[in-house]
Amino acid sequence: MRLIGSLAVVAVIAVGVQAERAKLPPPPATPLRYTDVAPIFEKHCAGCHDARRGTNAAAQAVFEMSGGYPFATKRPGTLLGDLRHMFENRGSLSQNEKWRGVSWIAGGARDAEGRPPVWR
C-alpha cells in the first residue's frame, strides 16, 4: 500500500513539473544574448560560481563566472543542458527569470555580441 501511495506522490509531482514548464511562453523571435540573462546569473549564481565571491570548488567545476561569459567549465558537453534544467526547475527563480533563461539557451546561449559560446 505504501508503494502505491509513494507512486501517486511521484506522479503528482511529475505532473506539477510538466504544468510548470507549460506556463513558460514561447521564446522570442530574436535570440536573447548574455546581457539579457546576466542579472539572473549575478543574483542567483555568482555566490557559488564566481571564484571572486565564493570558494565552492564543486560548483565552480560546473561553471565559473569570474572571467566573464562564456564561462570556464570542466563540463562543456553538458553545461547548456545543466543550465536549462536549472532554469526550468530552480524554485528561487521567478517565472520571468525562468522564461528568459530557457529562451536564452534555446536561442544558442549567445554572448553580448550574438556569438555562440566557446567554453574556456
C-alpha atoms as a PDB file:
ATOM      1  CA  MET A   1       0.000   0.000   0.000  1.00  0.00           C
ATOM      2  CA  ARG A   2       2.892   2.335   0.814  1.00  0.00           C
ATOM      3  CA  LEU A   3       4.341   1.734  -2.641  1.00  0.00           C
ATOM      4  CA  ILE A   4       1.103   2.796  -4.310  1.00  0.00           C
ATOM      5  CA  GLY A   5       0.970   5.934  -2.151  1.00  0.00           C
ATOM      6  CA  SER A   6       4.589   6.762  -2.980  1.00  0.00           C
ATOM      7  CA  LEU A   7       3.969   6.258  -6.698  1.00  0.00           C
ATOM      8  CA  ALA A   8       0.936   8.525  -6.514  1.00  0.00           C
ATOM      9  CA  VAL A   9       3.018  11.271  -4.885  1.00  0.00           C
ATOM     10  CA  VAL A  10       5.711  10.923  -7.564  1.00  0.00           C
ATOM     11  CA  ALA A  11       3.071  11.107 -10.309  1.00  0.00           C
ATOM     12  CA  VAL A  12       1.539  14.269  -8.811  1.00  0.00           C
ATOM     13  CA  ILE A  13       4.968  15.908  -8.585  1.00  0.00           C
ATOM     14  CA  ALA A  14       5.805  14.953 -12.190  1.00  0.00           C
ATOM     15  CA  VAL A  15       2.501  16.389 -13.435  1.00  0.00           C
ATOM     16  CA  GLY A  16       3.167  19.573 -11.458  1.00  0.00           C
ATOM     17  CA  VAL A  17       6.638  19.985 -13.002  1.00  0.00           C
ATOM     18  CA  GLN A  18       5.230  19.486 -16.516  1.00  0.00           C
ATOM     19  CA  ALA A  19       2.459  22.011 -15.811  1.00  0.00           C
ATOM     20  CA  GLU A  20       5.036  24.499 -14.536  1.00  0.00           C
ATOM     21  CA  ARG A  21       7.083  24.120 -17.735  1.00  0.00           C
ATOM     22  CA  ALA A  22       3.953  24.533 -19.836  1.00  0.00           C
ATOM     23  CA  LYS A  23       3.428  28.008 -18.301  1.00  0.00           C
ATOM     24  CA  LEU A  24       6.558  29.373 -19.993  1.00  0.00           C
ATOM     25  CA  PRO A  25       5.697  31.341 -23.128  1.00  0.00           C
ATOM     26  CA  PRO A  26       7.488  30.558 -26.390  1.00  0.00           C
ATOM     27  CA  PRO A  27      10.962  32.076 -26.892  1.00  0.00           C
ATOM     28  CA  PRO A  28      11.211  35.490 -28.571  1.00  0.00           C
ATOM     29  CA  ALA A  29      11.730  35.761 -32.334  1.00  0.00           C
ATOM     30  CA  THR A  30      15.137  37.405 -31.808  1.00  0.00           C
ATOM     31  CA  PRO A  31      17.535  35.253 -29.738  1.00  0.00           C
ATOM     32  CA  LEU A  32      18.392  36.636 -26.330  1.00  0.00           C
ATOM     33  CA  ARG A  33      22.004  37.478 -25.527  1.00  0.00           C
ATOM     34  CA  TYR A  34      24.001  37.041 -22.346  1.00  0.00           C
ATOM     35  CA  THR A  35      23.298  40.647 -21.377  1.00  0.00           C
ATOM     36  CA  ASP A  36      19.605  39.666 -21.133  1.00  0.00           C
ATOM     37  CA  VAL A  37      20.329  36.957 -18.530  1.00  0.00           C
ATOM     38  CA  ALA A  38      23.453  38.318 -16.799  1.00  0.00           C
ATOM     39  CA  PRO A  39      21.412  39.836 -13.933  1.00  0.00           C
ATOM     40  CA  ILE A  40      19.929  36.394 -13.220  1.00  0.00           C
ATOM     41  CA  PHE A  41      23.396  34.836 -13.001  1.00  0.00           C
ATOM     42  CA  GLU A  42      24.618  37.668 -10.761  1.00  0.00           C
ATOM     43  CA  LYS A  43      21.627  37.380  -8.420  1.00  0.00           C
ATOM     44  CA  HIS A  44      21.268  33.604  -8.203  1.00  0.00           C
ATOM     45  CA  CYS A  45      24.590  32.011  -9.245  1.00  0.00           C
ATOM     46  CA  ALA A  46      27.593  34.229  -8.552  1.00  0.00           C
ATOM     47  CA  GLY A  47      27.710  33.493  -4.819  1.00  0.00           C
ATOM     48  CA  CYS A  48      28.920  29.955  -5.570  1.00  0.00           C
ATOM     49  CA  HIS A  49      30.056  30.044  -9.212  1.00  0.00           C
ATOM     50  CA  ASP A  50      32.261  33.183  -9.087  1.00  0.00           C
ATOM     51  CA  ALA A  51      35.697  32.492  -7.577  1.00  0.00           C
ATOM     52  CA  ARG A  52      35.946  36.143  -6.509  1.00  0.00           C
ATOM     53  CA  ARG A  53      32.900  35.703  -4.249  1.00  0.00           C
ATOM     54  CA  GLY A  54      32.963  32.088  -3.110  1.00  0.00           C
ATOM     55  CA  THR A  55      35.122  29.007  -2.698  1.00  0.00           C
ATOM     56  CA  ASN A  56      32.712  26.294  -3.832  1.00  0.00           C
ATOM     57  CA  ALA A  57      35.042  24.138  -5.939  1.00  0.00           C
ATOM     58  CA  ALA A  58      32.277  21.719  -6.962  1.00  0.00           C
ATOM     59  CA  ALA A  59      30.029  24.500  -8.241  1.00  0.00           C
ATOM     60  CA  GLN A  60      32.944  26.188  -9.991  1.00  0.00           C
ATOM     61  CA  ALA A  61      33.818  22.958 -11.799  1.00  0.00           C
ATOM     62  CA  VAL A  62      30.363  23.075 -13.414  1.00  0.00           C
ATOM     63  CA  PHE A  63      30.935  26.683 -14.461  1.00  0.00           C
ATOM     64  CA  GLU A  64      32.989  29.569 -13.132  1.00  0.00           C
ATOM     65  CA  MET A  65      31.903  33.155 -13.786  1.00  0.00           C
ATOM     66  CA  SER A  66      34.827  35.395 -12.763  1.00  0.00           C
ATOM     67  CA  GLY A  67      36.317  35.512 -16.276  1.00  0.00           C
ATOM     68  CA  GLY A  68      33.040  36.623 -17.841  1.00  0.00           C
ATOM     69  CA  TYR A  69      30.941  34.837 -20.420  1.00  0.00           C
ATOM     70  CA  PRO A  70      31.452  32.288 -21.985  1.00  0.00           C
ATOM     71  CA  PHE A  71      32.157  30.673 -18.634  1.00  0.00           C
ATOM     72  CA  ALA A  72      35.048  28.425 -17.738  1.00  0.00           C
ATOM     73  CA  THR A  73      33.775  24.851 -17.319  1.00  0.00           C
ATOM     74  CA  LYS A  74      35.050  21.320 -16.873  1.00  0.00           C
ATOM     75  CA  ARG A  75      31.813  20.015 -18.440  1.00  0.00           C
ATOM     76  CA  PRO A  76      31.404  21.768 -21.806  1.00  0.00           C
ATOM     77  CA  GLY A  77      29.400  18.903 -23.303  1.00  0.00           C
ATOM     78  CA  THR A  78      26.654  19.073 -20.684  1.00  0.00           C
ATOM     79  CA  LEU A  79      26.731  22.673 -19.469  1.00  0.00           C
ATOM     80  CA  LEU A  80      23.844  24.012 -21.552  1.00  0.00           C
ATOM     81  CA  GLY A  81      21.643  21.064 -20.632  1.00  0.00           C
ATOM     82  CA  ASP A  82      22.535  21.524 -16.966  1.00  0.00           C
ATOM     83  CA  LEU A  83      21.754  25.248 -17.158  1.00  0.00           C
ATOM     84  CA  ARG A  84      18.440  24.595 -18.933  1.00  0.00           C
ATOM     85  CA  HIS A  85      17.454  22.136 -16.192  1.00  0.00           C
ATOM     86  CA  MET A  86      18.406  24.717 -13.565  1.00  0.00           C
ATOM     87  CA  PHE A  87      16.356  27.454 -15.225  1.00  0.00           C
ATOM     88  CA  GLU A  88      13.325  25.181 -15.593  1.00  0.00           C
ATOM     89  CA  ASN A  89      13.389  23.812 -12.045  1.00  0.00           C
ATOM     90  CA  ARG A  90      15.024  26.282  -9.654  1.00  0.00           C
ATOM     91  CA  GLY A  91      12.345  27.342  -7.181  1.00  0.00           C
ATOM     92  CA  SER A  92      14.038  30.648  -6.335  1.00  0.00           C
ATOM     93  CA  LEU A  93      13.648  31.939  -9.911  1.00  0.00           C
ATOM     94  CA  SER A  94      10.607  33.944 -10.955  1.00  0.00           C
ATOM     95  CA  GLN A  95       8.594  32.795 -13.972  1.00  0.00           C
ATOM     96  CA  ASN A  96      10.127  35.667 -15.958  1.00  0.00           C
ATOM     97  CA  GLU A  97      13.659  34.632 -14.978  1.00  0.00           C
ATOM     98  CA  LYS A  98      12.896  31.027 -15.942  1.00  0.00           C
ATOM     99  CA  TRP A  99      11.485  32.143 -19.296  1.00  0.00           C
ATOM    100  CA  ARG A 100      14.478  34.398 -20.035  1.00  0.00           C
ATOM    101  CA  GLY A 101      16.983  31.674 -19.107  1.00  0.00           C
ATOM    102  CA  VAL A 102      15.300  28.914 -21.115  1.00  0.00           C
ATOM    103  CA  SER A 103      14.797  31.284 -24.065  1.00  0.00           C
ATOM    104  CA  TRP A 104      18.463  32.317 -23.971  1.00  0.00           C
ATOM    105  CA  ILE A 105      19.585  28.677 -24.090  1.00  0.00           C
ATOM    106  CA  ALA A 106      17.041  27.790 -26.800  1.00  0.00           C
ATOM    107  CA  GLY A 107      18.446  30.666 -28.862  1.00  0.00           C
ATOM    108  CA  GLY A 108      22.003  29.334 -28.635  1.00  0.00           C
ATOM    109  CA  ALA A 109      23.226  30.885 -25.338  1.00  0.00           C
ATOM    110  CA  ARG A 110      24.761  33.757 -27.290  1.00  0.00           C
ATOM    111  CA  ASP A 111      27.239  36.227 -25.836  1.00  0.00           C
ATOM    112  CA  ALA A 112      26.717  40.011 -25.727  1.00  0.00           C
ATOM    113  CA  GLU A 113      27.658  40.322 -29.415  1.00  0.00           C
ATOM    114  CA  GLY A 114      25.372  37.500 -30.516  1.00  0.00           C
ATOM    115  CA  ARG A 115      28.060  34.820 -30.955  1.00  0.00           C
ATOM    116  CA  PRO A 116      27.575  31.229 -29.757  1.00  0.00           C
ATOM    117  CA  PRO A 117      29.679  30.254 -26.741  1.00  0.00           C
ATOM    118  CA  VAL A 118      33.193  28.864 -26.902  1.00  0.00           C
ATOM    119  CA  TRP A 119      33.777  27.416 -23.442  1.00  0.00           C
ATOM    120  CA  ARG A 120      37.032  28.107 -21.616  1.00  0.00           C
END
